């Protein structure tokens, strides 16, 4: 178990640092977590990711009680725990990505401008606004995640989960890219972006299930 925790923490820190390097997070504005058994490793609040080392691991139970680490967990801990309790998530990535946050202020659902929406389960919803770190925000996000693995958060950012940190991060990057595509296409004067139908998204979802290498 100890080896698994150490590996998971190393992967978590690498993912958090990547989110900054890729421009999905500014400073410490996002957070990342990963589940190991009945414990959740999570980034600490207010600590730049480049300062985190092996001794800084923060772990909580699914009840929110901290069981390891000297640093306080992220202020968005209620959000992460709600996702683990309410879905099959094994890893969660939350960002304040620029294009996704912009889209969250404009629509209630990201228009289906690209078939990769199917990788998140379908049309990406926008969760209602609530103050960060609150149970109300967690409830809004869970509602938006019905049959989805990602959503936008009104005037806030993105929340995406996956079976692994890599999958959760890749889905997050795809969501930000789709938001950028829609904003770019919809900004052309006199033209309206073509959107995909439900049937076209369903077909893409079926094809994506067989994507990649076996195993």
Protein backbone atom coordinates (compact mmCIF):
# COMPACT_ATOMS: atom_id res chain seq x y z
CA UNK A 1 0.00 0.00 0.00
CA UNK A 2 2.82 2.38 0.86
CA UNK A 3 4.47 1.88 -2.53
CA UNK A 4 1.13 2.48 -4.27
CA UNK A 5 0.60 5.69 -2.31
CA UNK A 6 4.09 6.97 -3.12
CA UNK A 7 3.64 6.22 -6.84
CA UNK A 8 0.19 7.84 -6.87
CA UNK A 9 1.51 10.99 -5.15
CA UNK A 10 4.38 11.26 -7.62
CA UNK A 11 1.94 10.95 -10.53
CA UNK A 12 -0.42 13.47 -8.94
CA UNK A 13 2.31 16.08 -8.50
CA UNK A 14 3.46 15.54 -12.10
CA UNK A 15 -0.10 16.03 -13.34
CA UNK A 16 -0.56 19.20 -11.28
CA UNK A 17 2.68 20.64 -12.62
CA UNK A 18 1.67 19.74 -16.16
CA UNK A 19 -1.59 21.65 -15.75
CA UNK A 20 0.42 24.80 -15.01
CA UNK A 21 2.92 24.21 -17.83
CA UNK A 22 0.08 23.66 -20.31
CA UNK A 23 -1.71 26.85 -19.24
CA UNK A 24 -4.77 25.11 -17.78
CA UNK A 25 -4.03 26.50 -14.32
CA UNK A 26 -2.54 29.78 -13.11
CA UNK A 27 -0.62 29.54 -9.85
CA UNK A 28 -2.49 27.22 -7.50
CA UNK A 29 -5.97 27.86 -8.88
CA UNK A 30 -6.74 24.26 -9.83
CA UNK A 31 -6.48 20.98 -7.97
CA UNK A 32 -5.89 17.30 -8.65
CA UNK A 33 -6.73 14.13 -6.76
CA UNK A 34 -6.41 10.38 -7.17
CA UNK A 35 -8.02 7.52 -5.29
CA UNK A 36 -5.96 4.67 -3.84
CA UNK A 37 -8.20 2.11 -2.20
CA UNK A 38 -10.44 3.98 0.24
CA UNK A 39 -8.06 6.94 0.47
CA UNK A 40 -7.85 10.05 -1.69
CA UNK A 41 -4.57 11.82 -2.34
CA UNK A 42 -5.13 15.49 -3.12
CA UNK A 43 -3.12 18.62 -3.78
CA UNK A 44 -2.77 20.90 -0.73
CA UNK A 45 -4.31 24.35 -0.60
CA UNK A 46 -2.26 27.38 -1.57
CA UNK A 47 1.05 25.63 -2.28
CA UNK A 48 2.75 26.08 -5.69
CA UNK A 49 3.09 22.68 -7.32
CA UNK A 50 6.80 23.08 -8.01
CA UNK A 51 7.38 23.16 -4.24
CA UNK A 52 5.72 19.80 -3.59
CA UNK A 53 7.92 16.83 -2.78
CA UNK A 54 7.50 13.23 -1.55
CA UNK A 55 7.14 14.34 2.09
CA UNK A 56 4.23 16.65 1.25
CA UNK A 57 1.69 13.94 0.41
CA UNK A 58 -1.82 14.74 1.64
CA UNK A 59 -4.35 11.93 2.07
CA UNK A 60 -7.94 11.90 3.31
CA UNK A 61 -10.58 9.25 3.77
CA UNK A 62 -13.81 9.32 1.79
CA UNK A 63 -15.34 10.90 4.90
CA UNK A 64 -12.99 13.87 4.51
CA UNK A 65 -10.88 13.12 7.59
CA UNK A 66 -7.19 13.77 6.91
CA UNK A 67 -5.09 10.69 7.60
CA UNK A 68 -1.70 11.72 6.25
CA UNK A 69 0.27 14.89 5.61
CA UNK A 70 1.18 18.09 7.42
CA UNK A 71 -0.37 20.39 4.79
CA UNK A 72 -4.08 21.19 4.61
CA UNK A 73 -5.92 19.68 1.61
CA UNK A 74 -7.35 21.80 -1.19
CA UNK A 75 -10.30 24.03 -0.38
CA UNK A 76 -12.19 22.12 -3.08
CA UNK A 77 -12.01 18.87 -1.09
CA UNK A 78 -15.84 18.64 -0.77
CA UNK A 79 -16.07 18.73 -4.57
CA UNK A 80 -13.51 15.98 -5.10
CA UNK A 81 -15.04 13.73 -2.45
CA UNK A 82 -18.53 14.21 -3.85
CA UNK A 83 -17.31 13.08 -7.27
CA UNK A 84 -15.66 9.96 -5.81
CA UNK A 85 -18.77 9.09 -3.82
CA UNK A 86 -21.19 9.75 -6.66
CA UNK A 87 -19.34 8.33 -9.68
CA UNK A 88 -16.85 5.64 -10.59
CA UNK A 89 -14.00 8.16 -10.64
CA UNK A 90 -10.47 7.08 -9.77
CA UNK A 91 -8.86 10.44 -10.56
CA UNK A 92 -10.17 14.03 -10.72
CA UNK A 93 -8.71 17.12 -12.39
CA UNK A 94 -10.15 20.61 -11.77
CA UNK A 95 -8.83 23.62 -13.69
CA UNK A 96 -9.55 27.27 -14.38
CA UNK A 97 -8.71 26.90 -18.08
CA UNK A 98 -9.26 30.17 -19.96
CA UNK A 99 -11.45 29.09 -22.88
CA UNK A 100 -13.55 26.67 -20.83
CA UNK A 101 -14.15 29.30 -18.16
CA UNK A 102 -15.14 31.82 -20.84
CA UNK A 103 -17.63 29.35 -22.35
CA UNK A 104 -19.09 28.67 -18.89
CA UNK A 105 -20.23 32.30 -18.75
CA UNK A 106 -22.00 32.18 -22.13
CA UNK A 107 -24.06 28.99 -22.42
CA UNK A 108 -25.72 26.25 -20.37
CA UNK A 109 -24.15 23.53 -22.50
CA UNK A 110 -21.07 23.51 -24.73
CA UNK A 111 -22.38 23.36 -28.32
CA UNK A 112 -21.46 20.08 -30.00
CA UNK A 113 -18.82 21.52 -32.27
CA UNK A 114 -16.63 18.39 -32.25
CA UNK A 115 -17.13 14.66 -31.89
CA UNK A 116 -14.68 14.42 -28.97
CA UNK A 117 -17.57 15.50 -26.76
CA UNK A 118 -18.53 11.83 -27.00
CA UNK A 119 -15.37 10.95 -25.05
CA UNK A 120 -16.95 12.74 -22.08
CA UNK A 121 -20.27 10.94 -22.51
CA UNK A 122 -22.03 13.48 -24.74
CA UNK A 123 -22.91 17.15 -24.72
CA UNK A 124 -20.95 18.88 -21.96
CA UNK A 125 -23.18 20.64 -19.43
CA UNK A 126 -22.44 23.75 -17.38
CA UNK A 127 -22.89 23.27 -13.63
CA UNK A 128 -24.66 26.08 -11.81
CA UNK A 129 -22.60 28.61 -9.91
CA UNK A 130 -21.94 28.36 -6.17
CA UNK A 131 -19.08 29.55 -3.99
CA UNK A 132 -15.96 27.44 -4.23
CA UNK A 133 -15.40 24.81 -1.57
CA UNK A 134 -19.10 24.45 -0.76
CA UNK A 135 -21.41 21.44 -0.69
CA UNK A 136 -23.75 23.44 -2.94
CA UNK A 137 -21.10 23.61 -5.66
CA UNK A 138 -20.43 19.89 -5.30
CA UNK A 139 -24.16 19.17 -5.74
CA UNK A 140 -24.33 21.35 -8.88
CA UNK A 141 -21.34 19.56 -10.38
CA UNK A 142 -22.72 16.08 -9.65
CA UNK A 143 -25.96 17.11 -11.36
CA UNK A 144 -24.04 18.24 -14.46
CA UNK A 145 -22.01 15.01 -14.47
CA UNK A 146 -25.05 12.72 -14.93
CA UNK A 147 -23.87 10.14 -17.51
CA UNK A 148 -20.84 12.34 -18.19
CA UNK A 149 -17.20 12.29 -17.10
CA UNK A 150 -16.69 16.04 -17.36
CA UNK A 151 -18.49 19.36 -17.09
CA UNK A 152 -17.94 23.09 -17.10
CA UNK A 153 -18.50 25.08 -13.91
CA UNK A 154 -20.28 28.41 -14.27
CA UNK A 155 -17.85 31.35 -13.93
CA UNK A 156 -15.28 28.93 -12.55
CA UNK A 157 -13.64 26.30 -14.76
CA UNK A 158 -13.72 22.57 -15.49
CA UNK A 159 -14.14 19.32 -13.58
CA UNK A 160 -13.19 16.08 -15.30
CA UNK A 161 -12.66 12.57 -13.97
CA UNK A 162 -11.28 9.31 -15.31
CA UNK A 163 -10.01 5.85 -14.48
CA UNK A 164 -6.47 7.23 -14.24
CA UNK A 165 -4.80 10.60 -13.81
CA UNK A 166 -3.62 10.42 -17.41
CA UNK A 167 -7.14 9.84 -18.70
CA UNK A 168 -8.62 12.60 -16.54
CA UNK A 169 -5.95 15.03 -17.69
CA UNK A 170 -6.29 14.14 -21.38
CA UNK A 171 -10.06 14.61 -21.16
CA UNK A 172 -9.51 17.98 -19.49
CA UNK A 173 -7.18 19.10 -22.28
CA UNK A 174 -9.71 17.94 -24.90
CA UNK A 175 -12.50 19.87 -23.18
CA UNK A 176 -10.45 23.07 -23.13
CA UNK A 177 -9.59 22.54 -26.82
CA UNK A 178 -13.27 22.08 -27.75
CA UNK A 179 -14.16 25.27 -25.92
CA UNK A 180 -11.45 27.11 -27.82
CA UNK A 181 -12.70 25.71 -31.14
CA UNK A 182 -16.27 26.82 -30.43
CA UNK A 183 -15.23 30.30 -29.31
CA UNK A 184 -13.03 30.70 -32.39
CA UNK A 185 -15.66 29.47 -34.85
CA UNK A 186 -18.51 31.45 -33.29
CA UNK A 187 -16.48 34.67 -33.42
CA UNK A 188 -16.48 34.78 -37.24
CA UNK A 189 -18.88 37.59 -38.27
CA UNK A 190 -21.95 36.49 -40.23
CA UNK A 191 -21.33 32.76 -39.81
CA UNK A 192 -22.62 30.16 -37.34
CA UNK A 193 -20.67 26.98 -36.52
CA UNK A 194 -22.14 23.70 -37.78
CA UNK A 195 -23.00 21.43 -34.83
CA UNK A 196 -23.26 17.67 -34.51
CA UNK A 197 -26.54 15.89 -33.91
CA UNK A 198 -27.22 13.44 -31.08
CA UNK A 199 -27.00 10.58 -33.58
CA UNK A 200 -23.61 11.77 -34.80
CA UNK A 201 -22.33 12.03 -31.23
CA UNK A 202 -23.65 8.55 -30.44
CA UNK A 203 -21.86 7.15 -33.48
CA UNK A 204 -18.63 8.86 -32.43
CA UNK A 205 -19.02 7.42 -28.94
CA UNK A 206 -19.30 3.90 -30.33
CA UNK A 207 -16.22 4.36 -32.49
CA UNK A 208 -14.21 5.87 -29.62
CA UNK A 209 -14.88 2.79 -27.49
CA UNK A 210 -12.66 0.83 -29.85
CA UNK A 211 -9.98 3.52 -30.18
CA UNK A 212 -6.34 2.91 -29.27
CA UNK A 213 -4.26 -0.21 -28.73
CA UNK A 214 -5.72 -3.43 -27.28
CA UNK A 215 -5.27 -3.83 -23.55
